[in-house]
C-alpha atoms as a PDB file:
ATOM      1  CA  UNK A   1      -8.895  32.114  -8.879  1.00  0.00           C
ATOM      2  CA  UNK A   2      -9.121  31.602 -12.686  1.00  0.00           C
ATOM      3  CA  UNK A   3     -11.886  32.799 -14.989  1.00  0.00           C
ATOM      4  CA  UNK A   4     -12.972  29.200 -15.667  1.00  0.00           C
ATOM      5  CA  UNK A   5     -13.675  28.828 -11.896  1.00  0.00           C
ATOM      6  CA  UNK A   6     -15.988  31.643 -11.592  1.00  0.00           C
ATOM      7  CA  UNK A   7     -19.609  31.200 -10.290  1.00  0.00           C
ATOM      8  CA  UNK A   8     -22.661  33.399 -10.982  1.00  0.00           C
ATOM      9  CA  UNK A   9     -22.484  36.413  -8.760  1.00  0.00           C
ATOM     10  CA  UNK A  10     -18.686  36.445  -8.531  1.00  0.00           C
ATOM     11  CA  UNK A  11     -16.863  39.698  -9.073  1.00  0.00           C
ATOM     12  CA  UNK A  12     -14.864  40.297 -12.212  1.00  0.00           C
ATOM     13  CA  UNK A  13     -12.917  43.281 -13.717  1.00  0.00           C
ATOM     14  CA  UNK A  14     -12.571  44.296 -17.230  1.00  0.00           C
ATOM     15  CA  UNK A  15      -9.114  43.537 -18.465  1.00  0.00           C
ATOM     16  CA  UNK A  16      -9.485  45.593 -21.554  1.00  0.00           C
ATOM     17  CA  UNK A  17     -11.743  48.320 -22.818  1.00  0.00           C
ATOM     18  CA  UNK A  18     -15.161  46.659 -23.759  1.00  0.00           C
ATOM     19  CA  UNK A  19     -17.132  48.425 -26.322  1.00  0.00           C
ATOM     20  CA  UNK A  20     -20.279  47.602 -28.363  1.00  0.00           C
ATOM     21  CA  UNK A  21     -19.314  45.864 -31.562  1.00  0.00           C
ATOM     22  CA  UNK A  22     -22.902  46.316 -32.800  1.00  0.00           C
ATOM     23  CA  UNK A  23     -24.325  43.271 -31.193  1.00  0.00           C
ATOM     24  CA  UNK A  24     -25.878  45.016 -28.156  1.00  0.00           C
ATOM     25  CA  UNK A  25     -29.312  46.402 -28.918  1.00  0.00           C
ATOM     26  CA  UNK A  26     -30.143  49.944 -27.536  1.00  0.00           C
ATOM     27  CA  UNK A  27     -26.611  50.903 -27.502  1.00  0.00           C
ATOM     28  CA  UNK A  28     -24.557  52.869 -30.074  1.00  0.00           C
ATOM     29  CA  UNK A  29     -21.878  51.016 -31.955  1.00  0.00           C
ATOM     30  CA  UNK A  30     -18.524  51.719 -30.317  1.00  0.00           C
ATOM     31  CA  UNK A  31     -20.122  52.767 -27.070  1.00  0.00           C
ATOM     32  CA  UNK A  32     -17.599  51.817 -24.186  1.00  0.00           C
ATOM     33  CA  UNK A  33     -19.281  49.663 -21.428  1.00  0.00           C
ATOM     34  CA  UNK A  34     -16.254  49.158 -19.319  1.00  0.00           C
ATOM     35  CA  UNK A  35     -12.622  50.508 -19.188  1.00  0.00           C
ATOM     36  CA  UNK A  36      -9.791  48.362 -17.931  1.00  0.00           C
ATOM     37  CA  UNK A  37     -10.276  47.705 -14.198  1.00  0.00           C
ATOM     38  CA  UNK A  38     -14.005  48.468 -14.156  1.00  0.00           C
ATOM     39  CA  UNK A  39     -15.707  46.017 -11.590  1.00  0.00           C
ATOM     40  CA  UNK A  40     -18.499  43.921 -12.676  1.00  0.00           C
ATOM     41  CA  UNK A  41     -20.627  40.977 -11.595  1.00  0.00           C
ATOM     42  CA  UNK A  42     -20.799  37.615 -13.494  1.00  0.00           C
ATOM     43  CA  UNK A  43     -24.409  36.790 -14.201  1.00  0.00           C
ATOM     44  CA  UNK A  44     -24.098  33.692 -16.292  1.00  0.00           C
ATOM     45  CA  UNK A  45     -21.910  31.636 -18.608  1.00  0.00           C
ATOM     46  CA  UNK A  46     -22.627  29.950 -21.857  1.00  0.00           C
ATOM     47  CA  UNK A  47     -21.471  29.213 -25.343  1.00  0.00           C
ATOM     48  CA  UNK A  48     -22.637  29.629 -29.019  1.00  0.00           C
ATOM     49  CA  UNK A  49     -23.688  26.375 -30.613  1.00  0.00           C
ATOM     50  CA  UNK A  50     -21.234  26.989 -33.536  1.00  0.00           C
ATOM     51  CA  UNK A  51     -18.336  27.343 -31.000  1.00  0.00           C
ATOM     52  CA  UNK A  52     -19.038  25.102 -28.059  1.00  0.00           C
ATOM     53  CA  UNK A  53     -15.327  25.171 -26.898  1.00  0.00           C
ATOM     54  CA  UNK A  54     -15.578  29.016 -26.415  1.00  0.00           C
ATOM     55  CA  UNK A  55     -17.105  30.031 -23.109  1.00  0.00           C
ATOM     56  CA  UNK A  56     -19.068  33.246 -23.078  1.00  0.00           C
ATOM     57  CA  UNK A  57     -19.450  35.260 -19.806  1.00  0.00           C
ATOM     58  CA  UNK A  58     -22.649  37.361 -19.243  1.00  0.00           C
ATOM     59  CA  UNK A  59     -21.388  40.310 -17.036  1.00  0.00           C
ATOM     60  CA  UNK A  60     -23.002  43.600 -15.641  1.00  0.00           C
ATOM     61  CA  UNK A  61     -20.227  46.255 -15.067  1.00  0.00           C
ATOM     62  CA  UNK A  62     -20.654  49.200 -12.743  1.00  0.00           C
ATOM     63  CA  UNK A  63     -21.391  52.638 -14.299  1.00  0.00           C
ATOM     64  CA  UNK A  64     -20.053  55.867 -13.021  1.00  0.00           C
ATOM     65  CA  UNK A  65     -22.733  56.047 -10.348  1.00  0.00           C
ATOM     66  CA  UNK A  66     -21.799  52.615  -8.775  1.00  0.00           C
ATOM     67  CA  UNK A  67     -24.923  50.901 -10.290  1.00  0.00           C
ATOM     68  CA  UNK A  68     -24.836  47.868 -12.522  1.00  0.00           C
ATOM     69  CA  UNK A  69     -25.377  48.607 -16.247  1.00  0.00           C
ATOM     70  CA  UNK A  70     -26.937  46.314 -18.810  1.00  0.00           C
ATOM     71  CA  UNK A  71     -25.694  42.682 -19.251  1.00  0.00           C
ATOM     72  CA  UNK A  72     -22.781  42.358 -21.642  1.00  0.00           C
ATOM     73  CA  UNK A  73     -21.393  39.109 -23.253  1.00  0.00           C
ATOM     74  CA  UNK A  74     -17.525  38.909 -22.819  1.00  0.00           C
ATOM     75  CA  UNK A  75     -14.899  36.369 -23.773  1.00  0.00           C
ATOM     76  CA  UNK A  76     -12.477  35.057 -21.105  1.00  0.00           C
ATOM     77  CA  UNK A  77      -9.564  37.344 -22.342  1.00  0.00           C
ATOM     78  CA  UNK A  78     -11.587  40.429 -21.710  1.00  0.00           C
ATOM     79  CA  UNK A  79     -12.115  39.625 -18.036  1.00  0.00           C
ATOM     80  CA  UNK A  80      -9.817  39.320 -14.935  1.00  0.00           C
ATOM     81  CA  UNK A  81     -10.395  38.164 -11.345  1.00  0.00           C
ATOM     82  CA  UNK A  82      -8.149  40.913 -10.040  1.00  0.00           C
ATOM     83  CA  UNK A  83      -8.379  44.690 -10.093  1.00  0.00           C
ATOM     84  CA  UNK A  84      -5.764  46.332 -12.232  1.00  0.00           C
END
């Protein structure tokens, strides 16, 4: 399955380390939300008005306790449909 075919509720994995670039409130800049291979759930997709050709993916990744963390916006290249 390709990233573009995902539906809300599908399982995804972090393809790279995903950290706060300063755009996530209530989290320290540089805080790592997901390491490569971390499992998450797709909540929604969207785009920025300024860049309608770039799809954004809203994902909750599992934390160390197996619970889902806060929603994080990711780009397609940051996600995988297969565990690494």
